Amino acid sequence: MCIRDSLICPADSISITPFLFGSCQIPPAFITASYELPDIFKYVGLTTITLSRFQMHSCVLVMFASFIAPFGGFFASGFKRAFQIKDFGETIPGHGGLTDRFDCQFLMGVFSYVWSTQVIFPASLTAGSILDLILSRPIEEQLQIFEALKGILQKSKKNIYVNQKK
């Protein structure tokens, strides 16, 4: 996917001509880089691997979907057994309802959400978000933060003044 501009560049316009794709500057997530592997991989002849960030995140999601998400059915069965419920519903007779058909997808959906919000696109702090956090605290804590910031800024102001004299 990373080598095709048509798959990674945003569409500038809609065209009826097939395979007419523009080119763009490749987004950083699709640029490949070489990474050193742990020593254990030397036994199979691997020392480095070349991947893009997109491919690394895809590998994590694929591994979770392959090895962990299928256990969502076991978790749902344990949940039902704990509450002595035979099926979650009767929408699909003989199959335990819709929830029983999608228990793996629920686990995968939660993991995908957590992975994307915490690893791929972590929330970045801005001056506004920090100020909102400070204003949400009790007034005593706000005053403590104010005094601490005041001391830090006065120190840095003195350092700037000293550096300007040199």
C-alpha atoms as a PDB file:
ATOM      1  CA  MET A   1       0.000   0.000   0.000  1.00  0.00           C
ATOM      2  CA  CYS A   2       2.835   2.397   0.799  1.00  0.00           C
ATOM      3  CA  ILE A   3       4.265   2.377  -2.709  1.00  0.00           C
ATOM      4  CA  ARG A   4       1.073   3.420  -4.518  1.00  0.00           C
ATOM      5  CA  ASP A   5       0.331   7.152  -4.520  1.00  0.00           C
ATOM      6  CA  SER A   6      -3.269   6.365  -5.383  1.00  0.00           C
ATOM      7  CA  LEU A   7      -3.708   4.620  -2.017  1.00  0.00           C
ATOM      8  CA  ILE A   8      -1.994   7.140   0.255  1.00  0.00           C
ATOM      9  CA  CYS A   9      -2.578  10.544  -1.352  1.00  0.00           C
ATOM     10  CA  PRO A  10      -5.851  12.359  -0.694  1.00  0.00           C
ATOM     11  CA  ALA A  11      -8.117  12.751  -3.711  1.00  0.00           C
ATOM     12  CA  ASP A  12      -8.081  16.346  -4.953  1.00  0.00           C
ATOM     13  CA  SER A  13     -10.997  15.883  -7.297  1.00  0.00           C
ATOM     14  CA  ILE A  14     -13.384  13.251  -8.563  1.00  0.00           C
ATOM     15  CA  SER A  15     -12.654  11.972 -12.044  1.00  0.00           C
ATOM     16  CA  ILE A  16     -14.349   9.440 -14.290  1.00  0.00           C
ATOM     17  CA  THR A  17     -11.026   8.604 -15.923  1.00  0.00           C
ATOM     18  CA  PRO A  18      -9.746   5.372 -14.360  1.00  0.00           C
ATOM     19  CA  PHE A  19      -6.243   5.278 -12.888  1.00  0.00           C
ATOM     20  CA  LEU A  20      -5.770   9.051 -13.128  1.00  0.00           C
ATOM     21  CA  PHE A  21      -4.101   9.836  -9.829  1.00  0.00           C
ATOM     22  CA  GLY A  22      -2.124  12.848  -8.823  1.00  0.00           C
ATOM     23  CA  SER A  23       0.975  12.688  -6.733  1.00  0.00           C
ATOM     24  CA  CYS A  24       1.577  14.137  -3.312  1.00  0.00           C
ATOM     25  CA  GLN A  25       4.202  14.387  -0.657  1.00  0.00           C
ATOM     26  CA  ILE A  26       4.098  11.046   1.109  1.00  0.00           C
ATOM     27  CA  PRO A  27       2.659  11.392   4.629  1.00  0.00           C
ATOM     28  CA  PRO A  28       5.176  10.510   7.381  1.00  0.00           C
ATOM     29  CA  ALA A  29       3.153   7.459   8.465  1.00  0.00           C
ATOM     30  CA  PHE A  30       3.898   5.801   5.105  1.00  0.00           C
ATOM     31  CA  ILE A  31       7.665   6.458   4.929  1.00  0.00           C
ATOM     32  CA  THR A  32       9.633   3.284   5.570  1.00  0.00           C
ATOM     33  CA  ALA A  33      12.542   3.056   7.983  1.00  0.00           C
ATOM     34  CA  SER A  34      14.831   0.267   9.180  1.00  0.00           C
ATOM     35  CA  TYR A  35      14.530  -0.935  12.768  1.00  0.00           C
ATOM     36  CA  GLU A  36      16.898  -3.130  14.774  1.00  0.00           C
ATOM     37  CA  LEU A  37      15.343  -6.352  16.023  1.00  0.00           C
ATOM     38  CA  PRO A  38      16.057  -7.896  19.448  1.00  0.00           C
ATOM     39  CA  ASP A  39      18.935 -10.391  19.656  1.00  0.00           C
ATOM     40  CA  ILE A  40      16.590 -13.378  19.727  1.00  0.00           C
ATOM     41  CA  PHE A  41      15.835 -12.849  16.013  1.00  0.00           C
ATOM     42  CA  LYS A  42      19.523 -13.374  15.112  1.00  0.00           C
ATOM     43  CA  TYR A  43      18.958 -17.133  15.470  1.00  0.00           C
ATOM     44  CA  VAL A  44      16.657 -17.053  12.456  1.00  0.00           C
ATOM     45  CA  GLY A  45      18.905 -14.708  10.472  1.00  0.00           C
ATOM     46  CA  LEU A  46      17.046 -11.420  11.051  1.00  0.00           C
ATOM     47  CA  THR A  47      18.781  -8.340  12.439  1.00  0.00           C
ATOM     48  CA  THR A  48      16.755  -5.480  10.957  1.00  0.00           C
ATOM     49  CA  ILE A  49      13.304  -4.977   9.513  1.00  0.00           C
ATOM     50  CA  THR A  50      12.076  -2.241   7.196  1.00  0.00           C
ATOM     51  CA  LEU A  51       8.555  -0.987   7.868  1.00  0.00           C
ATOM     52  CA  SER A  52       6.505   2.176   7.876  1.00  0.00           C
ATOM     53  CA  ARG A  53       4.614   3.332  10.974  1.00  0.00           C
ATOM     54  CA  PHE A  54       1.391   2.413   9.173  1.00  0.00           C
ATOM     55  CA  GLN A  55       2.637  -1.149   8.712  1.00  0.00           C
ATOM     56  CA  MET A  56       3.738  -1.406  12.369  1.00  0.00           C
ATOM     57  CA  HIS A  57       0.319  -0.304  13.622  1.00  0.00           C
ATOM     58  CA  SER A  58      -1.351  -2.674  11.156  1.00  0.00           C
ATOM     59  CA  CYS A  59       0.755  -5.573  12.478  1.00  0.00           C
ATOM     60  CA  VAL A  60      -0.324  -4.833  16.057  1.00  0.00           C
ATOM     61  CA  LEU A  61      -4.001  -4.735  15.055  1.00  0.00           C
ATOM     62  CA  VAL A  62      -3.679  -7.924  12.986  1.00  0.00           C
ATOM     63  CA  MET A  63      -1.930  -9.783  15.811  1.00  0.00           C
ATOM     64  CA  PHE A  64      -4.590  -8.702  18.308  1.00  0.00           C
ATOM     65  CA  ALA A  65      -7.387  -9.651  15.902  1.00  0.00           C
ATOM     66  CA  SER A  66      -5.785 -13.049  15.274  1.00  0.00           C
ATOM     67  CA  PHE A  67      -4.722 -14.098  18.751  1.00  0.00           C
ATOM     68  CA  ILE A  68      -6.766 -12.181  21.331  1.00  0.00           C
ATOM     69  CA  ALA A  69     -10.093 -11.082  19.803  1.00  0.00           C
ATOM     70  CA  PRO A  70     -11.361 -14.665  19.302  1.00  0.00           C
ATOM     71  CA  PHE A  71     -11.330 -15.003  23.090  1.00  0.00           C
ATOM     72  CA  GLY A  72     -14.161 -12.456  23.163  1.00  0.00           C
ATOM     73  CA  GLY A  73     -16.501 -15.429  22.749  1.00  0.00           C
ATOM     74  CA  PHE A  74     -15.018 -17.062  25.845  1.00  0.00           C
ATOM     75  CA  PHE A  75     -15.404 -13.840  27.824  1.00  0.00           C
ATOM     76  CA  ALA A  76     -19.035 -13.558  26.737  1.00  0.00           C
ATOM     77  CA  SER A  77     -19.671 -17.207  27.617  1.00  0.00           C
ATOM     78  CA  GLY A  78     -18.142 -16.698  31.061  1.00  0.00           C
ATOM     79  CA  PHE A  79     -20.268 -13.606  31.547  1.00  0.00           C
ATOM     80  CA  LYS A  80     -23.423 -15.492  30.566  1.00  0.00           C
ATOM     81  CA  ARG A  81     -22.489 -18.443  32.782  1.00  0.00           C
ATOM     82  CA  ALA A  82     -21.932 -16.124  35.759  1.00  0.00           C
ATOM     83  CA  PHE A  83     -25.443 -14.704  35.346  1.00  0.00           C
ATOM     84  CA  GLN A  84     -26.973 -18.056  34.356  1.00  0.00           C
ATOM     85  CA  ILE A  85     -28.119 -16.790  30.957  1.00  0.00           C
ATOM     86  CA  LYS A  86     -28.344 -19.239  28.053  1.00  0.00           C
ATOM     87  CA  ASP A  87     -28.338 -16.707  25.196  1.00  0.00           C
ATOM     88  CA  PHE A  88     -28.082 -12.926  24.910  1.00  0.00           C
ATOM     89  CA  GLY A  89     -31.153 -12.808  22.714  1.00  0.00           C
ATOM     90  CA  GLU A  90     -33.459 -14.621  20.336  1.00  0.00           C
ATOM     91  CA  THR A  91     -32.956 -12.491  17.218  1.00  0.00           C
ATOM     92  CA  ILE A  92     -31.239 -15.344  15.399  1.00  0.00           C
ATOM     93  CA  PRO A  93     -32.872 -18.545  16.713  1.00  0.00           C
ATOM     94  CA  GLY A  94     -30.349 -21.229  17.623  1.00  0.00           C
ATOM     95  CA  HIS A  95     -27.414 -18.851  17.423  1.00  0.00           C
ATOM     96  CA  GLY A  96     -27.746 -17.040  20.727  1.00  0.00           C
ATOM     97  CA  GLY A  97     -28.790 -13.676  19.372  1.00  0.00           C
ATOM     98  CA  LEU A  98     -26.873 -10.902  17.639  1.00  0.00           C
ATOM     99  CA  THR A  99     -24.609 -10.227  20.591  1.00  0.00           C
ATOM    100  CA  ASP A 100     -23.301 -13.798  20.494  1.00  0.00           C
ATOM    101  CA  ARG A 101     -22.374 -13.350  16.828  1.00  0.00           C
ATOM    102  CA  PHE A 102     -20.408 -10.149  17.443  1.00  0.00           C
ATOM    103  CA  ASP A 103     -18.618 -10.692  20.762  1.00  0.00           C
ATOM    104  CA  CYS A 104     -15.205 -10.853  19.055  1.00  0.00           C
ATOM    105  CA  GLN A 105     -15.924  -7.616  17.216  1.00  0.00           C
ATOM    106  CA  PHE A 106     -16.789  -5.861  20.481  1.00  0.00           C
ATOM    107  CA  LEU A 107     -13.397  -6.788  21.939  1.00  0.00           C
ATOM    108  CA  MET A 108     -11.633  -5.769  18.721  1.00  0.00           C
ATOM    109  CA  GLY A 109     -13.542  -2.479  18.582  1.00  0.00           C
ATOM    110  CA  VAL A 110     -12.530  -1.559  22.115  1.00  0.00           C
ATOM    111  CA  PHE A 111      -8.887  -2.440  21.424  1.00  0.00           C
ATOM    112  CA  SER A 112      -8.872  -0.475  18.148  1.00  0.00           C
ATOM    113  CA  TYR A 113     -10.335   2.574  19.883  1.00  0.00           C
ATOM    114  CA  VAL A 114      -7.825   2.446  22.746  1.00  0.00           C
ATOM    115  CA  TRP A 115      -4.894   1.824  20.371  1.00  0.00           C
ATOM    116  CA  SER A 116      -5.852   4.692  18.059  1.00  0.00           C
ATOM    117  CA  THR A 117      -6.557   7.233  20.814  1.00  0.00           C
ATOM    118  CA  GLN A 118      -3.628   6.346  23.067  1.00  0.00           C
ATOM    119  CA  VAL A 119      -0.876   5.258  20.655  1.00  0.00           C
ATOM    120  CA  ILE A 120      -1.558   6.428  17.104  1.00  0.00           C
ATOM    121  CA  PHE A 121      -3.213   9.780  17.835  1.00  0.00           C
ATOM    122  CA  PRO A 122      -2.485  10.623  21.471  1.00  0.00           C
ATOM    123  CA  ALA A 123      -4.154  13.774  22.744  1.00  0.00           C
ATOM    124  CA  SER A 124      -1.733  16.649  22.544  1.00  0.00           C
ATOM    125  CA  LEU A 125      -1.696  19.279  25.231  1.00  0.00           C
ATOM    126  CA  THR A 126      -2.405  22.828  24.182  1.00  0.00           C
ATOM    127  CA  ALA A 127      -2.377  25.996  26.249  1.00  0.00           C
ATOM    128  CA  GLY A 128      -6.186  25.981  26.159  1.00  0.00           C
ATOM    129  CA  SER A 129      -6.504  22.371  27.324  1.00  0.00           C
ATOM    130  CA  ILE A 130      -4.028  22.979  30.166  1.00  0.00           C
ATOM    131  CA  LEU A 131      -5.935  26.089  31.211  1.00  0.00           C
ATOM    132  CA  ASP A 132      -9.212  24.119  31.159  1.00  0.00           C
ATOM    133  CA  LEU A 133      -7.648  21.475  33.397  1.00  0.00           C
ATOM    134  CA  ILE A 134      -6.399  24.112  35.835  1.00  0.00           C
ATOM    135  CA  LEU A 135      -9.772  25.873  35.960  1.00  0.00           C
ATOM    136  CA  SER A 136     -11.539  22.585  36.680  1.00  0.00           C
ATOM    137  CA  ARG A 137      -9.535  22.150  39.925  1.00  0.00           C
ATOM    138  CA  PRO A 138     -10.594  23.580  43.303  1.00  0.00           C
ATOM    139  CA  ILE A 139      -9.566  27.204  43.959  1.00  0.00           C
ATOM    140  CA  GLU A 140      -6.905  26.159  46.493  1.00  0.00           C
ATOM    141  CA  GLU A 141      -5.132  24.013  43.896  1.00  0.00           C
ATOM    142  CA  GLN A 142      -5.466  26.813  41.320  1.00  0.00           C
ATOM    143  CA  LEU A 143      -3.683  29.173  43.736  1.00  0.00           C
ATOM    144  CA  GLN A 144      -0.919  26.599  44.321  1.00  0.00           C
ATOM    145  CA  ILE A 145      -0.420  26.266  40.561  1.00  0.00           C
ATOM    146  CA  PHE A 146      -0.403  30.051  40.195  1.00  0.00           C
ATOM    147  CA  GLU A 147       2.265  30.470  42.879  1.00  0.00           C
ATOM    148  CA  ALA A 148       4.414  27.708  41.371  1.00  0.00           C
ATOM    149  CA  LEU A 149       4.164  29.210  37.876  1.00  0.00           C
ATOM    150  CA  LYS A 150       4.878  32.684  39.246  1.00  0.00           C
ATOM    151  CA  GLY A 151       8.105  31.431  40.873  1.00  0.00           C
ATOM    152  CA  ILE A 152       9.196  29.589  37.722  1.00  0.00           C
ATOM    153  CA  LEU A 153       8.506  32.596  35.480  1.00  0.00           C
ATOM    154  CA  GLN A 154      10.318  35.004  37.813  1.00  0.00           C
ATOM    155  CA  LYS A 155      13.365  32.683  37.817  1.00  0.00           C
ATOM    156  CA  SER A 156      13.362  32.398  34.032  1.00  0.00           C
ATOM    157  CA  LYS A 157      12.973  36.171  33.710  1.00  0.00           C
ATOM    158  CA  LYS A 158      16.103  36.654  35.874  1.00  0.00           C
ATOM    159  CA  ASN A 159      17.990  34.113  33.758  1.00  0.00           C
ATOM    160  CA  ILE A 160      16.993  35.897  30.551  1.00  0.00           C
ATOM    161  CA  TYR A 161      18.074  39.248  32.033  1.00  0.00           C
ATOM    162  CA  VAL A 162      21.470  37.780  33.117  1.00  0.00           C
ATOM    163  CA  ASN A 163      22.021  36.180  29.685  1.00  0.00           C
ATOM    164  CA  GLN A 164      21.207  39.454  27.901  1.00  0.00           C
ATOM    165  CA  LYS A 165      23.867  41.323  29.945  1.00  0.00           C
ATOM    166  CA  LYS A 166      26.603  38.899  28.843  1.00  0.00           C
END
